[in-house]
Amino acid sequence: MPSNERSSSPDLAQPVVLVDRSEGSLVQLGSALVSIRRSPLRRARLVEAGRAIERAASAHPRGCVLLSVLRLSRGHPIEPGFDANARELAETLRAVDRVLVANAVVVEFDGMLAVATRALVRTVWALARPRASMAQFARMSDAITWMLPHARAIGAPDDAASYVRLYREAERRLEDHDAAQWARSG
């Protein structure tokens, strides 16, 4: 199938929501995954995320690409010790590494917390030693640009608009949770 046909076909498909929680969401379009996290993954949520990625990849023998966005949120503050489960994160990355071709991590905040978060991501990668291509970015546009050749190689959506669309769907899920929280509290 020519590349331009593959690029246009995802527009017809609807994103599938794999994880829909106030602390994070994960959406899928074919073999492309986009996650927005606003709190650290721990215990049950970490297992849930790993299983969701494995389920998503089960229909894609060539693997998946993952755009992971980390952001701060007043409703989900990152507290001291957020990096205490680096080994558990590395074990989960090892488990899903067989289905990932590339993982672009975007840290959407600045300052010392961003420095610590980037260091944690590098530590997890060092512990897990993934085969998948891994890279960190400060801007989503750079992450998408880096990921597109990996996506193209496995037949995943290979246009930036598909990833922006997935990002917006994941973000909309978080906004819906915020609105529900405000309605309950107000």
Protein backbone atom coordinates (compact mmCIF):
# COMPACT_ATOMS: atom_id res chain seq x y z
CA MET A 1 0.00 0.00 0.00
CA PRO A 2 1.48 3.38 -0.92
CA SER A 3 2.50 5.62 1.96
CA ASN A 4 -0.07 8.30 1.17
CA GLU A 5 -2.92 5.77 1.42
CA ARG A 6 -1.68 4.51 4.78
CA SER A 7 -1.44 8.08 6.09
CA SER A 8 -4.99 8.95 5.11
CA SER A 9 -6.67 5.79 6.42
CA PRO A 10 -6.26 6.60 10.16
CA ASP A 11 -8.49 9.65 9.65
CA LEU A 12 -11.39 7.24 9.10
CA ALA A 13 -10.72 5.29 12.29
CA GLN A 14 -11.61 6.49 15.77
CA PRO A 15 -9.10 6.47 18.61
CA VAL A 16 -9.56 3.72 21.17
CA VAL A 17 -9.30 4.72 24.82
CA LEU A 18 -7.25 2.15 26.73
CA VAL A 19 -6.83 3.95 30.05
CA ASP A 20 -9.19 6.69 31.24
CA ARG A 21 -8.35 7.93 34.72
CA SER A 22 -7.96 11.34 36.30
CA GLU A 23 -4.22 10.81 36.72
CA GLY A 24 -3.60 9.72 33.14
CA SER A 25 -5.01 8.52 29.87
CA LEU A 26 -3.80 6.25 27.09
CA VAL A 27 -5.31 6.24 23.62
CA GLN A 28 -4.60 4.17 20.53
CA LEU A 29 -4.99 4.53 16.79
CA GLY A 30 -3.75 1.41 15.03
CA SER A 31 -0.24 0.76 16.25
CA ALA A 32 0.21 4.31 17.58
CA LEU A 33 -0.24 5.00 21.30
CA VAL A 34 -0.33 8.34 23.12
CA SER A 35 -0.28 8.62 26.89
CA ILE A 36 -0.58 11.68 29.10
CA ARG A 37 0.41 11.14 32.73
CA ARG A 38 -0.01 13.71 35.47
CA SER A 39 1.05 11.53 38.35
CA PRO A 40 3.70 8.85 38.76
CA LEU A 41 2.78 5.29 37.79
CA ARG A 42 2.73 3.07 40.84
CA ARG A 43 1.61 -0.45 41.68
CA ALA A 44 -1.86 -1.20 40.25
CA ARG A 45 -1.78 1.76 37.82
CA LEU A 46 1.61 0.63 36.53
CA VAL A 47 0.31 -2.90 35.97
CA GLU A 48 -2.80 -1.47 34.29
CA ALA A 49 -0.70 0.64 31.90
CA GLY A 50 1.58 -2.28 31.02
CA ARG A 51 -1.35 -4.58 30.31
CA ALA A 52 -3.08 -1.91 28.21
CA ILE A 53 0.04 -1.52 26.06
CA GLU A 54 0.34 -5.29 25.64
CA ARG A 55 -3.36 -5.58 24.68
CA ALA A 56 -2.98 -2.75 22.19
CA ALA A 57 0.03 -4.39 20.61
CA SER A 58 -1.55 -7.84 20.38
CA ALA A 59 -3.18 -6.93 17.05
CA HIS A 60 0.05 -5.41 15.69
CA PRO A 61 2.79 -8.02 15.21
CA ARG A 62 5.26 -5.40 13.98
CA GLY A 63 4.93 -3.52 17.26
CA CYS A 64 3.71 -0.13 18.41
CA VAL A 65 5.10 3.36 18.85
CA LEU A 66 4.37 5.26 22.05
CA LEU A 67 4.32 8.99 22.70
CA SER A 68 4.45 9.42 26.50
CA VAL A 69 3.68 12.90 27.80
CA LEU A 70 4.43 13.80 31.43
CA ARG A 71 2.80 16.91 32.86
CA LEU A 72 2.22 18.63 36.16
CA SER A 73 -1.24 19.05 37.64
CA ARG A 74 -2.50 20.84 40.74
CA GLY A 75 -4.90 17.98 41.36
CA HIS A 76 -2.13 15.38 41.16
CA PRO A 77 0.99 16.87 42.74
CA ILE A 78 4.29 15.07 42.42
CA GLU A 79 5.57 14.52 45.92
CA PRO A 80 9.03 13.73 47.27
CA GLY A 81 9.86 10.11 46.65
CA PHE A 82 8.05 10.02 43.29
CA ASP A 83 11.10 8.27 41.90
CA ALA A 84 11.21 5.50 44.53
CA ASN A 85 9.82 2.86 42.17
CA ALA A 86 12.45 3.10 39.42
CA ARG A 87 13.05 -0.66 39.50
CA GLU A 88 9.34 -1.40 39.21
CA LEU A 89 9.11 1.01 36.26
CA ALA A 90 12.10 -0.70 34.65
CA GLU A 91 10.49 -4.14 35.07
CA THR A 92 7.32 -2.90 33.37
CA LEU A 93 9.35 -1.35 30.55
CA ARG A 94 11.15 -4.68 30.07
CA ALA A 95 7.78 -6.44 29.88
CA VAL A 96 6.38 -4.11 27.20
CA ASP A 97 9.69 -3.65 25.36
CA ARG A 98 8.97 -6.64 23.16
CA VAL A 99 5.95 -4.80 21.69
CA LEU A 100 7.40 -1.28 21.46
CA VAL A 101 9.45 -0.11 18.52
CA ALA A 102 9.91 3.45 19.77
CA ASN A 103 8.99 5.50 22.84
CA ALA A 104 9.21 9.29 22.80
CA VAL A 105 8.91 10.87 26.25
CA VAL A 106 7.88 14.53 26.50
CA VAL A 107 8.34 16.34 29.80
CA GLU A 108 5.89 19.26 29.59
CA PHE A 109 7.29 21.23 32.54
CA ASP A 110 10.48 22.97 33.56
CA GLY A 111 12.59 23.53 36.65
CA MET A 112 14.19 21.18 39.11
CA LEU A 113 11.26 18.76 39.01
CA ALA A 114 11.75 18.42 35.26
CA VAL A 115 15.46 17.75 35.77
CA ALA A 116 14.62 15.07 38.34
CA THR A 117 11.98 13.55 36.07
CA ARG A 118 14.35 13.39 33.11
CA ALA A 119 16.97 11.76 35.33
CA LEU A 120 14.40 9.19 36.49
CA VAL A 121 13.50 8.39 32.86
CA ARG A 122 17.20 7.89 32.01
CA THR A 123 17.64 5.70 35.12
CA VAL A 124 14.67 3.52 34.17
CA TRP A 125 16.08 3.12 30.66
CA ALA A 126 19.51 2.20 32.05
CA LEU A 127 17.95 -0.41 34.33
CA ALA A 128 15.63 -1.86 31.67
CA ARG A 129 18.03 -1.72 28.71
CA PRO A 130 15.18 -1.61 26.20
CA ARG A 131 15.64 -2.69 22.59
CA ALA A 132 13.11 -0.12 21.43
CA SER A 133 14.37 3.30 20.43
CA MET A 134 13.92 5.75 23.30
CA ALA A 135 14.28 9.52 23.38
CA GLN A 136 13.26 12.45 25.60
CA PHE A 137 11.98 15.81 24.45
CA ALA A 138 10.83 19.13 25.84
CA ARG A 139 8.43 19.75 22.94
CA MET A 140 5.81 17.44 21.53
CA SER A 141 6.52 18.56 17.96
CA ASP A 142 10.14 17.37 18.28
CA ALA A 143 9.00 14.05 19.74
CA ILE A 144 6.55 13.46 16.90
CA THR A 145 9.13 14.36 14.27
CA TRP A 146 11.56 11.87 15.83
CA MET A 147 8.91 9.16 16.03
CA LEU A 148 7.49 9.37 12.49
CA PRO A 149 10.22 7.29 10.78
CA HIS A 150 9.74 4.56 13.42
CA ALA A 151 5.98 4.68 12.85
CA ARG A 152 6.40 4.51 9.09
CA ALA A 153 8.62 1.43 9.42
CA ILE A 154 5.85 -0.56 11.14
CA GLY A 155 2.86 0.80 9.24
CA ALA A 156 1.63 3.01 12.09
CA PRO A 157 0.11 6.40 11.31
CA ASP A 158 2.98 8.35 9.82
CA ASP A 159 1.62 11.88 9.87
CA ALA A 160 1.97 14.40 12.68
CA ALA A 161 -1.75 15.21 12.63
CA SER A 162 -2.63 11.68 13.82
CA TYR A 163 -0.44 12.09 16.91
CA VAL A 164 -1.82 15.55 17.64
CA ARG A 165 -5.31 14.10 17.32
CA LEU A 166 -4.46 11.29 19.78
CA TYR A 167 -2.88 13.80 22.16
CA ARG A 168 -6.01 15.95 22.07
CA GLU A 169 -8.21 12.91 22.73
CA ALA A 170 -6.08 11.91 25.73
CA GLU A 171 -6.14 15.51 26.95
CA ARG A 172 -9.92 15.70 26.53
CA ARG A 173 -10.27 12.65 28.77
CA LEU A 174 -8.29 14.40 31.50
CA GLU A 175 -10.35 17.58 31.09
CA ASP A 176 -13.54 15.52 31.48
CA HIS A 177 -12.20 14.13 34.76
CA ASP A 178 -11.32 17.64 35.93
CA ALA A 179 -14.82 18.91 35.08
CA ALA A 180 -16.41 16.03 36.97
CA GLN A 181 -14.19 16.73 39.99
CA TRP A 182 -15.14 20.42 39.93
CA ALA A 183 -18.83 19.52 39.70
CA ARG A 184 -18.53 17.20 42.72
CA SER A 185 -16.68 19.78 44.79
CA GLY A 186 -18.63 22.83 43.82
